[in-house]
PDB file of N, CA and C in Angstrom:
ATOM      1  N   UNK A   1      93.442 108.953  97.974  1.00  0.00           N
ATOM      2  CA  UNK A   1      94.493 108.724  98.638  1.00  0.00           C
ATOM      3  C   UNK A   1      94.250 109.540  99.876  1.00  0.00           C
ATOM      4  N   UNK A   2      95.187 109.536 101.007  1.00  0.00           N
ATOM      5  CA  UNK A   2      95.306 109.818 102.116  1.00  0.00           C
ATOM      6  C   UNK A   2      95.833 111.351 102.046  1.00  0.00           C
ATOM      7  N   UNK A   3      95.841 112.262 103.128  1.00  0.00           N
ATOM      8  CA  UNK A   3      96.388 113.428 103.006  1.00  0.00           C
ATOM      9  C   UNK A   3      97.763 113.013 103.521  1.00  0.00           C
ATOM     10  N   UNK A   4      98.349 112.503 104.080  1.00  0.00           N
ATOM     11  CA  UNK A   4      99.779 112.207 104.368  1.00  0.00           C
ATOM     12  C   UNK A   4     100.411 111.588 103.076  1.00  0.00           C
ATOM     13  N   UNK A   5      99.644 111.389 102.179  1.00  0.00           N
ATOM     14  CA  UNK A   5     100.363 110.242 100.975  1.00  0.00           C
ATOM     15  C   UNK A   5     100.352 111.952 100.030  1.00  0.00           C
ATOM     16  N   UNK A   6      99.516 112.153  99.818  1.00  0.00           N
ATOM     17  CA  UNK A   6      99.282 113.459  98.892  1.00  0.00           C
ATOM     18  C   UNK A   6     100.049 114.455  99.333  1.00  0.00           C
ATOM     19  N   UNK A   7     100.440 115.001 100.259  1.00  0.00           N
ATOM     20  CA  UNK A   7     101.328 116.089 100.965  1.00  0.00           C
ATOM     21  C   UNK A   7     102.437 115.793 100.290  1.00  0.00           C
ATOM     22  N   UNK A   8     102.926 114.969 100.052  1.00  0.00           N
ATOM     23  CA  UNK A   8     104.265 114.480  99.633  1.00  0.00           C
ATOM     24  C   UNK A   8     104.907 114.475  97.904  1.00  0.00           C
ATOM     25  N   UNK A   9     103.504 114.401  97.179  1.00  0.00           N
ATOM     26  CA  UNK A   9     103.723 114.428  95.643  1.00  0.00           C
ATOM     27  C   UNK A   9     103.991 115.956  95.666  1.00  0.00           C
ATOM     28  N   UNK A  10     105.116 115.698  95.003  1.00  0.00           N
ATOM     29  CA  UNK A  10     105.706 117.301  94.507  1.00  0.00           C
ATOM     30  C   UNK A  10     104.467 117.995  93.439  1.00  0.00           C
ATOM     31  N   UNK A  11     104.625 119.578  93.831  1.00  0.00           N
ATOM     32  CA  UNK A  11     103.683 120.269  93.007  1.00  0.00           C
ATOM     33  C   UNK A  11     104.065 120.037  91.700  1.00  0.00           C
ATOM     34  N   UNK A  12     104.896 119.982  91.143  1.00  0.00           N
ATOM     35  CA  UNK A  12     105.128 119.762  89.428  1.00  0.00           C
ATOM     36  C   UNK A  12     104.514 118.951  88.791  1.00  0.00           C
ATOM     37  N   UNK A  13     104.094 117.613  89.014  1.00  0.00           N
ATOM     38  CA  UNK A  13     103.586 116.321  89.169  1.00  0.00           C
ATOM     39  C   UNK A  13     102.127 116.443  89.643  1.00  0.00           C
ATOM     40  N   UNK A  14     101.517 116.640  90.283  1.00  0.00           N
ATOM     41  CA  UNK A  14     100.559 116.695  90.926  1.00  0.00           C
ATOM     42  C   UNK A  14      99.509 116.679  89.957  1.00  0.00           C
ATOM     43  N   UNK A  15      99.549 117.070  88.891  1.00  0.00           N
ATOM     44  CA  UNK A  15      98.045 117.321  88.265  1.00  0.00           C
ATOM     45  C   UNK A  15      98.264 115.830  86.517  1.00  0.00           C
ATOM     46  N   UNK A  16      99.650 115.375  86.617  1.00  0.00           N
ATOM     47  CA  UNK A  16     100.113 114.419  86.128  1.00  0.00           C
ATOM     48  C   UNK A  16      99.105 113.312  86.799  1.00  0.00           C
ATOM     49  N   UNK A  17      99.856 113.042  88.111  1.00  0.00           N
ATOM     50  CA  UNK A  17      98.813 111.899  89.015  1.00  0.00           C
ATOM     51  C   UNK A  17      97.611 112.267  88.797  1.00  0.00           C
ATOM     52  N   UNK A  18      97.090 113.661  88.829  1.00  0.00           N
ATOM     53  CA  UNK A  18      95.623 113.473  89.380  1.00  0.00           C
ATOM     54  C   UNK A  18      95.257 112.486  87.667  1.00  0.00           C
ATOM     55  N   UNK A  19      95.339 113.102  86.628  1.00  0.00           N
ATOM     56  CA  UNK A  19      95.230 112.675  84.988  1.00  0.00           C
ATOM     57  C   UNK A  19      95.462 110.869  85.321  1.00  0.00           C
ATOM     58  N   UNK A  20      96.008 110.067  85.757  1.00  0.00           N
ATOM     59  CA  UNK A  20      96.215 109.178  85.252  1.00  0.00           C
ATOM     60  C   UNK A  20      95.589 108.489  86.608  1.00  0.00           C
ATOM     61  N   UNK A  21      95.163 109.021  87.992  1.00  0.00           N
ATOM     62  CA  UNK A  21      94.366 108.544  89.230  1.00  0.00           C
ATOM     63  C   UNK A  21      93.080 107.694  88.653  1.00  0.00           C
ATOM     64  N   UNK A  22      92.775 108.526  87.841  1.00  0.00           N
ATOM     65  CA  UNK A  22      91.288 107.720  87.485  1.00  0.00           C
ATOM     66  C   UNK A  22      90.844 106.775  86.303  1.00  0.00           C
ATOM     67  N   UNK A  23      91.618 106.246  85.700  1.00  0.00           N
ATOM     68  CA  UNK A  23      91.832 105.472  84.533  1.00  0.00           C
ATOM     69  C   UNK A  23      92.826 104.656  85.015  1.00  0.00           C
ATOM     70  N   UNK A  24      94.199 104.748  84.330  1.00  0.00           N
ATOM     71  CA  UNK A  24      95.535 104.178  84.639  1.00  0.00           C
ATOM     72  C   UNK A  24      95.669 103.020  85.884  1.00  0.00           C
ATOM     73  N   UNK A  25      95.743 103.867  86.743  1.00  0.00           N
ATOM     74  CA  UNK A  25      95.726 103.484  88.380  1.00  0.00           C
ATOM     75  C   UNK A  25      94.507 102.263  88.803  1.00  0.00           C
ATOM     76  N   UNK A  26      93.224 103.065  88.338  1.00  0.00           N
ATOM     77  CA  UNK A  26      92.537 102.028  88.487  1.00  0.00           C
ATOM     78  C   UNK A  26      92.499 100.401  88.220  1.00  0.00           C
ATOM     79  N   UNK A  27      92.765 101.103  86.357  1.00  0.00           N
ATOM     80  CA  UNK A  27      93.176  99.570  85.663  1.00  0.00           C
ATOM     81  C   UNK A  27      94.146  98.916  86.376  1.00  0.00           C
ATOM     82  N   UNK A  28      95.324  99.124  86.719  1.00  0.00           N
ATOM     83  CA  UNK A  28      96.623  98.451  87.107  1.00  0.00           C
ATOM     84  C   UNK A  28      96.373  97.970  88.640  1.00  0.00           C
ATOM     85  N   UNK A  29      95.676  98.545  89.283  1.00  0.00           N
ATOM     86  CA  UNK A  29      95.628  98.268  90.455  1.00  0.00           C
ATOM     87  C   UNK A  29      94.090  96.837  90.986  1.00  0.00           C
ATOM     88  N   UNK A  30      93.645  96.766  89.898  1.00  0.00           N
ATOM     89  CA  UNK A  30      92.869  95.437  89.706  1.00  0.00           C
ATOM     90  C   UNK A  30      93.198  94.776  88.886  1.00  0.00           C
ATOM     91  N   UNK A  31      94.415  94.688  88.725  1.00  0.00           N
ATOM     92  CA  UNK A  31      95.083  93.467  88.105  1.00  0.00           C
ATOM     93  C   UNK A  31      95.569  92.395  88.966  1.00  0.00           C
ATOM     94  N   UNK A  32      94.489  91.389  88.645  1.00  0.00           N
ATOM     95  CA  UNK A  32      95.131  90.051  89.966  1.00  0.00           C
ATOM     96  C   UNK A  32      96.580  89.700  89.776  1.00  0.00           C
ATOM     97  N   UNK A  33      97.595  89.943  89.142  1.00  0.00           N
ATOM     98  CA  UNK A  33      99.147  89.830  88.890  1.00  0.00           C
ATOM     99  C   UNK A  33      99.750  90.481  89.643  1.00  0.00           C
ATOM    100  N   UNK A  34      99.288  92.223  89.710  1.00  0.00           N
ATOM    101  CA  UNK A  34      99.738  93.012  90.412  1.00  0.00           C
ATOM    102  C   UNK A  34      99.402  92.560  92.000  1.00  0.00           C
ATOM    103  N   UNK A  35      98.129  93.120  92.167  1.00  0.00           N
ATOM    104  CA  UNK A  35      97.649  92.299  93.656  1.00  0.00           C
ATOM    105  C   UNK A  35      98.498  91.658  94.582  1.00  0.00           C
ATOM    106  N   UNK A  36      98.616  90.481  93.636  1.00  0.00           N
ATOM    107  CA  UNK A  36      99.574  89.198  93.994  1.00  0.00           C
ATOM    108  C   UNK A  36     100.569  89.938  94.252  1.00  0.00           C
ATOM    109  N   UNK A  37     101.376  90.193  93.485  1.00  0.00           N
ATOM    110  CA  UNK A  37     102.920  91.054  93.406  1.00  0.00           C
ATOM    111  C   UNK A  37     102.957  91.832  94.883  1.00  0.00           C
ATOM    112  N   UNK A  38     101.960  92.924  94.917  1.00  0.00           N
ATOM    113  CA  UNK A  38     101.980  93.777  96.027  1.00  0.00           C
ATOM    114  C   UNK A  38     101.812  92.998  97.175  1.00  0.00           C
ATOM    115  N   UNK A  39     100.746  92.298  97.542  1.00  0.00           N
ATOM    116  CA  UNK A  39     100.679  91.504  98.736  1.00  0.00           C
ATOM    117  C   UNK A  39     101.264  90.693  99.417  1.00  0.00           C
ATOM    118  N   UNK A  40     101.825  89.879  98.376  1.00  0.00           N
ATOM    119  CA  UNK A  40     102.945  88.975  98.652  1.00  0.00           C
ATOM    120  C   UNK A  40     104.599  89.870  99.103  1.00  0.00           C
ATOM    121  N   UNK A  41     104.525  90.867  98.166  1.00  0.00           N
ATOM    122  CA  UNK A  41     105.909  91.537  98.703  1.00  0.00           C
ATOM    123  C   UNK A  41     105.880  92.329 100.249  1.00  0.00           C
ATOM    124  N   UNK A  42     104.810  92.560 100.299  1.00  0.00           N
ATOM    125  CA  UNK A  42     103.962  93.309 101.486  1.00  0.00           C
ATOM    126  C   UNK A  42     104.032  92.709 102.966  1.00  0.00           C
ATOM    127  N   UNK A  43     103.562  91.397 102.848  1.00  0.00           N
ATOM    128  CA  UNK A  43     103.738  90.528 103.856  1.00  0.00           C
ATOM    129  C   UNK A  43     105.250  90.199 104.043  1.00  0.00           C
ATOM    130  N   UNK A  44     105.895  89.803 102.786  1.00  0.00           N
ATOM    131  CA  UNK A  44     107.323  89.519 103.178  1.00  0.00           C
ATOM    132  C   UNK A  44     108.012  90.524 103.593  1.00  0.00           C
ATOM    133  N   UNK A  45     107.888  91.379 103.503  1.00  0.00           N
ATOM    134  CA  UNK A  45     108.237  93.122 103.814  1.00  0.00           C
ATOM    135  C   UNK A  45     107.958  93.599 105.491  1.00  0.00           C
ATOM    136  N   UNK A  46     106.686  93.497 105.845  1.00  0.00           N
ATOM    137  CA  UNK A  46     106.777  93.133 107.012  1.00  0.00           C
ATOM    138  C   UNK A  46     107.121  92.594 107.871  1.00  0.00           C
ATOM    139  N   UNK A  47     107.491  91.226 107.469  1.00  0.00           N
ATOM    140  CA  UNK A  47     107.578  90.114 108.715  1.00  0.00           C
ATOM    141  C   UNK A  47     109.621  90.000 108.460  1.00  0.00           C
ATOM    142  N   UNK A  48     110.050  90.516 107.357  1.00  0.00           N
ATOM    143  CA  UNK A  48     111.421  90.128 107.571  1.00  0.00           C
ATOM    144  C   UNK A  48     111.918  91.607 108.885  1.00  0.00           C
ATOM    145  N   UNK A  49     111.103  92.954 108.326  1.00  0.00           N
ATOM    146  CA  UNK A  49     111.262  93.886 109.145  1.00  0.00           C
ATOM    147  C   UNK A  49     110.692  93.893 110.837  1.00  0.00           C
ATOM    148  N   UNK A  50     109.966  93.272 110.989  1.00  0.00           N
ATOM    149  CA  UNK A  50     109.185  92.684 112.262  1.00  0.00           C
ATOM    150  C   UNK A  50     108.449  94.106 112.386  1.00  0.00           C
ATOM    151  N   UNK A  51     107.401  94.814 111.633  1.00  0.00           N
ATOM    152  CA  UNK A  51     106.988  95.383 111.455  1.00  0.00           C
ATOM    153  C   UNK A  51     104.990  95.561 111.171  1.00  0.00           C
ATOM    154  N   UNK A  52     104.719  96.431 111.733  1.00  0.00           N
ATOM    155  CA  UNK A  52     102.932  95.696 112.054  1.00  0.00           C
ATOM    156  C   UNK A  52     102.445  95.751 110.802  1.00  0.00           C
ATOM    157  N   UNK A  53     101.269  95.559 110.651  1.00  0.00           N
ATOM    158  CA  UNK A  53     100.028  95.392 109.568  1.00  0.00           C
ATOM    159  C   UNK A  53     100.191  96.690 108.830  1.00  0.00           C
ATOM    160  N   UNK A  54     100.042  97.990 109.591  1.00  0.00           N
ATOM    161  CA  UNK A  54      99.768  99.282 109.042  1.00  0.00           C
ATOM    162  C   UNK A  54     100.934 100.509 108.468  1.00  0.00           C
ATOM    163  N   UNK A  55     102.349  99.014 108.291  1.00  0.00           N
ATOM    164  CA  UNK A  55     103.065 100.262 108.077  1.00  0.00           C
ATOM    165  C   UNK A  55     103.516 100.651 106.818  1.00  0.00           C
ATOM    166  N   UNK A  56     102.924 100.858 105.818  1.00  0.00           N
ATOM    167  CA  UNK A  56     102.955 101.049 104.440  1.00  0.00           C
ATOM    168  C   UNK A  56     103.462 102.108 104.153  1.00  0.00           C
ATOM    169  N   UNK A  57     104.087 102.872 104.833  1.00  0.00           N
ATOM    170  CA  UNK A  57     105.051 104.276 104.501  1.00  0.00           C
ATOM    171  C   UNK A  57     106.491 103.885 104.391  1.00  0.00           C
ATOM    172  N   UNK A  58     107.047 102.790 105.051  1.00  0.00           N
ATOM    173  CA  UNK A  58     108.110 101.901 104.989  1.00  0.00           C
ATOM    174  C   UNK A  58     108.158 101.396 103.870  1.00  0.00           C
ATOM    175  N   UNK A  59     107.200 100.827 103.709  1.00  0.00           N
ATOM    176  CA  UNK A  59     106.999  99.357 103.003  1.00  0.00           C
ATOM    177  C   UNK A  59     107.154 100.565 101.118  1.00  0.00           C
ATOM    178  N   UNK A  60     106.218 101.607 100.929  1.00  0.00           N
ATOM    179  CA  UNK A  60     106.006 102.168  99.929  1.00  0.00           C
ATOM    180  C   UNK A  60     107.740 102.986  99.694  1.00  0.00           C
ATOM    181  N   UNK A  61     108.622 103.650 100.698  1.00  0.00           N
ATOM    182  CA  UNK A  61     109.294 104.354 100.319  1.00  0.00           C
ATOM    183  C   UNK A  61     110.932 103.339 100.190  1.00  0.00           C
ATOM    184  N   UNK A  62     110.640 102.299 100.678  1.00  0.00           N
ATOM    185  CA  UNK A  62     111.928 101.585 100.863  1.00  0.00           C
ATOM    186  C   UNK A  62     111.524 100.079  99.253  1.00  0.00           C
ATOM    187  N   UNK A  63     110.415  99.614  98.695  1.00  0.00           N
ATOM    188  CA  UNK A  63     109.950  98.904  97.985  1.00  0.00           C
ATOM    189  C   UNK A  63     109.619  99.111  96.800  1.00  0.00           C
ATOM    190  N   UNK A  64     109.381 100.510  96.402  1.00  0.00           N
ATOM    191  CA  UNK A  64     108.347 100.815  95.351  1.00  0.00           C
ATOM    192  C   UNK A  64     109.213 100.409  93.829  1.00  0.00           C
ATOM    193  N   UNK A  65     110.470 100.908  94.086  1.00  0.00           N
ATOM    194  CA  UNK A  65     111.557 100.310  92.725  1.00  0.00           C
ATOM    195  C   UNK A  65     111.425  98.998  92.688  1.00  0.00           C
ATOM    196  N   UNK A  66     110.802  97.874  93.159  1.00  0.00           N
ATOM    197  CA  UNK A  66     110.857  96.756  92.972  1.00  0.00           C
ATOM    198  C   UNK A  66     109.513  96.471  91.836  1.00  0.00           C
ATOM    199  N   UNK A  67     108.919  97.488  91.813  1.00  0.00           N
ATOM    200  CA  UNK A  67     107.373  97.739  91.182  1.00  0.00           C
ATOM    201  C   UNK A  67     107.358  98.521  89.910  1.00  0.00           C
ATOM    202  N   UNK A  68     108.701  98.862  89.232  1.00  0.00           N
ATOM    203  CA  UNK A  68     108.921  99.954  88.336  1.00  0.00           C
ATOM    204  C   UNK A  68     107.995  99.428  87.323  1.00  0.00           C
ATOM    205  N   UNK A  69     107.838  97.883  86.843  1.00  0.00           N
ATOM    206  CA  UNK A  69     107.290  97.840  85.549  1.00  0.00           C
ATOM    207  C   UNK A  69     105.856  97.804  85.672  1.00  0.00           C
ATOM    208  N   UNK A  70     105.381  98.217  86.722  1.00  0.00           N
ATOM    209  CA  UNK A  70     103.680  98.475  86.924  1.00  0.00           C
ATOM    210  C   UNK A  70     103.144 100.125  86.412  1.00  0.00           C
ATOM    211  N   UNK A  71     104.484 100.782  86.029  1.00  0.00           N
ATOM    212  CA  UNK A  71     104.385 102.368  85.365  1.00  0.00           C
ATOM    213  C   UNK A  71     105.463 102.351  84.518  1.00  0.00           C
ATOM    214  N   UNK A  72     105.663 101.962  83.562  1.00  0.00           N
ATOM    215  CA  UNK A  72     106.517 101.783  82.444  1.00  0.00           C
ATOM    216  C   UNK A  72     107.456 102.793  81.941  1.00  0.00           C
ATOM    217  N   UNK A  73     106.402 104.096  82.120  1.00  0.00           N
ATOM    218  CA  UNK A  73     107.006 105.401  81.315  1.00  0.00           C
ATOM    219  C   UNK A  73     107.871 106.009  82.391  1.00  0.00           C
ATOM    220  N   UNK A  74     109.064 105.952  81.790  1.00  0.00           N
ATOM    221  CA  UNK A  74     110.303 106.780  82.416  1.00  0.00           C
ATOM    222  C   UNK A  74     110.865 107.852  82.181  1.00  0.00           C
ATOM    223  N   UNK A  75     110.195 108.323  81.273  1.00  0.00           N
ATOM    224  CA  UNK A  75     110.214 110.055  80.646  1.00  0.00           C
ATOM    225  C   UNK A  75     110.377 110.821  82.151  1.00  0.00           C
ATOM    226  N   UNK A  76     109.980 110.466  83.473  1.00  0.00           N
ATOM    227  CA  UNK A  76     110.123 111.772  84.391  1.00  0.00           C
ATOM    228  C   UNK A  76     110.010 110.397  85.418  1.00  0.00           C
ATOM    229  N   UNK A  77     111.124 110.367  86.024  1.00  0.00           N
ATOM    230  CA  UNK A  77     111.502 109.628  87.184  1.00  0.00           C
ATOM    231  C   UNK A  77     110.804 109.944  88.574  1.00  0.00           C
ATOM    232  N   UNK A  78     110.295 111.645  88.491  1.00  0.00           N
ATOM    233  CA  UNK A  78     109.636 111.820  89.998  1.00  0.00           C
ATOM    234  C   UNK A  78     107.815 110.813  89.627  1.00  0.00           C
ATOM    235  N   UNK A  79     107.464 111.217  88.330  1.00  0.00           N
ATOM    236  CA  UNK A  79     106.110 110.814  88.232  1.00  0.00           C
ATOM    237  C   UNK A  79     106.325 109.622  88.297  1.00  0.00           C
ATOM    238  N   UNK A  80     107.074 108.884  87.750  1.00  0.00           N
ATOM    239  CA  UNK A  80     106.838 107.057  87.993  1.00  0.00           C
ATOM    240  C   UNK A  80     107.052 106.482  89.276  1.00  0.00           C
ATOM    241  N   UNK A  81     107.910 107.376  89.981  1.00  0.00           N
ATOM    242  CA  UNK A  81     107.899 107.066  91.315  1.00  0.00           C
ATOM    243  C   UNK A  81     106.469 107.347  91.993  1.00  0.00           C
ATOM    244  N   UNK A  82     106.025 108.505  91.630  1.00  0.00           N
ATOM    245  CA  UNK A  82     104.903 108.953  92.809  1.00  0.00           C
ATOM    246  C   UNK A  82     103.594 107.662  91.785  1.00  0.00           C
ATOM    247  N   UNK A  83     103.597 107.564  90.820  1.00  0.00           N
ATOM    248  CA  UNK A  83     102.859 106.371  89.871  1.00  0.00           C
ATOM    249  C   UNK A  83     102.653 105.346  90.704  1.00  0.00           C
ATOM    250  N   UNK A  84     104.048 104.878  90.777  1.00  0.00           N
ATOM    251  CA  UNK A  84     104.172 103.437  91.202  1.00  0.00           C
ATOM    252  C   UNK A  84     103.894 103.438  92.781  1.00  0.00           C
ATOM    253  N   UNK A  85     103.958 104.172  93.626  1.00  0.00           N
ATOM    254  CA  UNK A  85     103.283 104.412  94.692  1.00  0.00           C
ATOM    255  C   UNK A  85     102.271 104.369  95.226  1.00  0.00           C
ATOM    256  N   UNK A  86     101.284 105.502  94.094  1.00  0.00           N
ATOM    257  CA  UNK A  86      99.855 105.396  94.113  1.00  0.00           C
ATOM    258  C   UNK A  86      99.219 104.208  94.113  1.00  0.00           C
ATOM    259  N   UNK A  87      99.647 103.507  92.872  1.00  0.00           N
ATOM    260  CA  UNK A  87      99.149 102.187  92.533  1.00  0.00           C
ATOM    261  C   UNK A  87      99.261 101.229  93.459  1.00  0.00           C
ATOM    262  N   UNK A  88     100.594 101.024  93.989  1.00  0.00           N
ATOM    263  CA  UNK A  88     100.793 100.405  95.038  1.00  0.00           C
ATOM    264  C   UNK A  88      99.750 100.085  96.776  1.00  0.00           C
ATOM    265  N   UNK A  89      99.733 101.406  96.787  1.00  0.00           N
ATOM    266  CA  UNK A  89      99.125 102.153  98.196  1.00  0.00           C
ATOM    267  C   UNK A  89      97.546 101.572  97.682  1.00  0.00           C
ATOM    268  N   UNK A  90      96.982 101.993  96.740  1.00  0.00           N
ATOM    269  CA  UNK A  90      95.710 101.634  96.011  1.00  0.00           C
ATOM    270  C   UNK A  90      95.799 100.245  96.502  1.00  0.00           C
ATOM    271  N   UNK A  91      96.315  99.175  95.884  1.00  0.00           N
ATOM    272  CA  UNK A  91      96.153  97.779  96.045  1.00  0.00           C
ATOM    273  C   UNK A  91      96.165  97.625  97.708  1.00  0.00           C
ATOM    274  N   UNK A  92      97.310  98.172  98.600  1.00  0.00           N
ATOM    275  CA  UNK A  92      96.676  97.603 100.183  1.00  0.00           C
ATOM    276  C   UNK A  92      95.642  98.382 100.645  1.00  0.00           C
ATOM    277  N   UNK A  93      95.234  99.791 100.159  1.00  0.00           N
ATOM    278  CA  UNK A  93      93.756  99.868 100.751  1.00  0.00           C
ATOM    279  C   UNK A  93      92.787  99.215 100.445  1.00  0.00           C
ATOM    280  N   UNK A  94      92.746  98.470  99.240  1.00  0.00           N
ATOM    281  CA  UNK A  94      91.524  97.905  98.877  1.00  0.00           C
ATOM    282  C   UNK A  94      91.535  96.520  99.594  1.00  0.00           C
ATOM    283  N   UNK A  95      92.585  95.956  99.740  1.00  0.00           N
ATOM    284  CA  UNK A  95      93.048  94.995 100.709  1.00  0.00           C
ATOM    285  C   UNK A  95      92.488  95.227 102.049  1.00  0.00           C
ATOM    286  N   UNK A  96      93.056  96.493 102.475  1.00  0.00           N
ATOM    287  CA  UNK A  96      92.274  96.588 104.169  1.00  0.00           C
ATOM    288  C   UNK A  96      91.067  96.443 104.006  1.00  0.00           C
ATOM    289  N   UNK A  97      90.139  96.744 103.152  1.00  0.00           N
ATOM    290  CA  UNK A  97      88.708  97.447 102.665  1.00  0.00           C
ATOM    291  C   UNK A  97      88.110  96.002 103.310  1.00  0.00           C
ATOM    292  N   UNK A  98      88.806  95.038 102.215  1.00  0.00           N
ATOM    293  CA  UNK A  98      88.062  94.122 102.176  1.00  0.00           C
ATOM    294  C   UNK A  98      88.362  93.098 103.503  1.00  0.00           C
ATOM    295  N   UNK A  99      89.389  93.552 104.312  1.00  0.00           N
ATOM    296  CA  UNK A  99      89.377  92.732 105.690  1.00  0.00           C
ATOM    297  C   UNK A  99      88.759  93.020 106.318  1.00  0.00           C
ATOM    298  N   UNK A 100      88.181  94.755 106.606  1.00  0.00           N
ATOM    299  CA  UNK A 100      87.296  95.364 107.463  1.00  0.00           C
ATOM    300  C   UNK A 100      85.525  94.662 107.081  1.00  0.00           C
ATOM    301  N   UNK A 101      85.792  94.779 106.016  1.00  0.00           N
ATOM    302  CA  UNK A 101      84.469  94.134 105.720  1.00  0.00           C
ATOM    303  C   UNK A 101      84.275  92.860 106.110  1.00  0.00           C
ATOM    304  N   UNK A 102      84.823  92.096 105.915  1.00  0.00           N
ATOM    305  CA  UNK A 102      84.858  90.612 106.150  1.00  0.00           C
ATOM    306  C   UNK A 102      84.928  90.308 108.029  1.00  0.00           C
ATOM    307  N   UNK A 103      85.656  91.178 108.321  1.00  0.00           N
ATOM    308  CA  UNK A 103      85.606  90.986 109.742  1.00  0.00           C
ATOM    309  C   UNK A 103      83.919  91.674 110.398  1.00  0.00           C
ATOM    310  N   UNK A 104      83.477  92.462 110.056  1.00  0.00           N
ATOM    311  CA  UNK A 104      82.587  93.301 110.227  1.00  0.00           C
ATOM    312  C   UNK A 104      81.102  92.402 109.858  1.00  0.00           C
ATOM    313  N   UNK A 105      81.513  92.026 108.955  1.00  0.00           N
ATOM    314  CA  UNK A 105      80.074  90.549 108.668  1.00  0.00           C
ATOM    315  C   UNK A 105      80.319  89.156 108.796  1.00  0.00           C
ATOM    316  N   UNK A 106      81.657  88.900 109.773  1.00  0.00           N
ATOM    317  CA  UNK A 106      81.918  87.489 109.719  1.00  0.00           C
ATOM    318  C   UNK A 106      81.909  86.545 108.937  1.00  0.00           C
ATOM    319  N   UNK A 107      82.875  87.096 107.442  1.00  0.00           N
ATOM    320  CA  UNK A 107      82.741  86.365 106.387  1.00  0.00           C
ATOM    321  C   UNK A 107      84.143  85.937 106.784  1.00  0.00           C
ATOM    322  N   UNK A 108      84.405  84.537 106.506  1.00  0.00           N
ATOM    323  CA  UNK A 108      85.595  83.944 106.530  1.00  0.00           C
ATOM    324  C   UNK A 108      86.499  83.751 104.756  1.00  0.00           C
TER     325      UNK A 108
END
């Protein structure tokens, strides 16, 4: 996660987030149905709001609640919010990495 994302995570849940990061977040961000849901929602959001491809911050802020089902533990709403945002962010950065590699190697 980039520093500007991590600095917004409340200290009270930082350890919990890190505990989920290695297994659960990776598992969730690798599921094709979650990837498709996030990427299609992101593209629709960008078009509706006339935003650039890199405007993930506003997408996370306003749309994370639409993805609550990818982190169903609602015992701590703050943990749930930042966990959902972490999974979404991972999907978006993975997609960006794939596109950069494709462009760099001229793959279609």
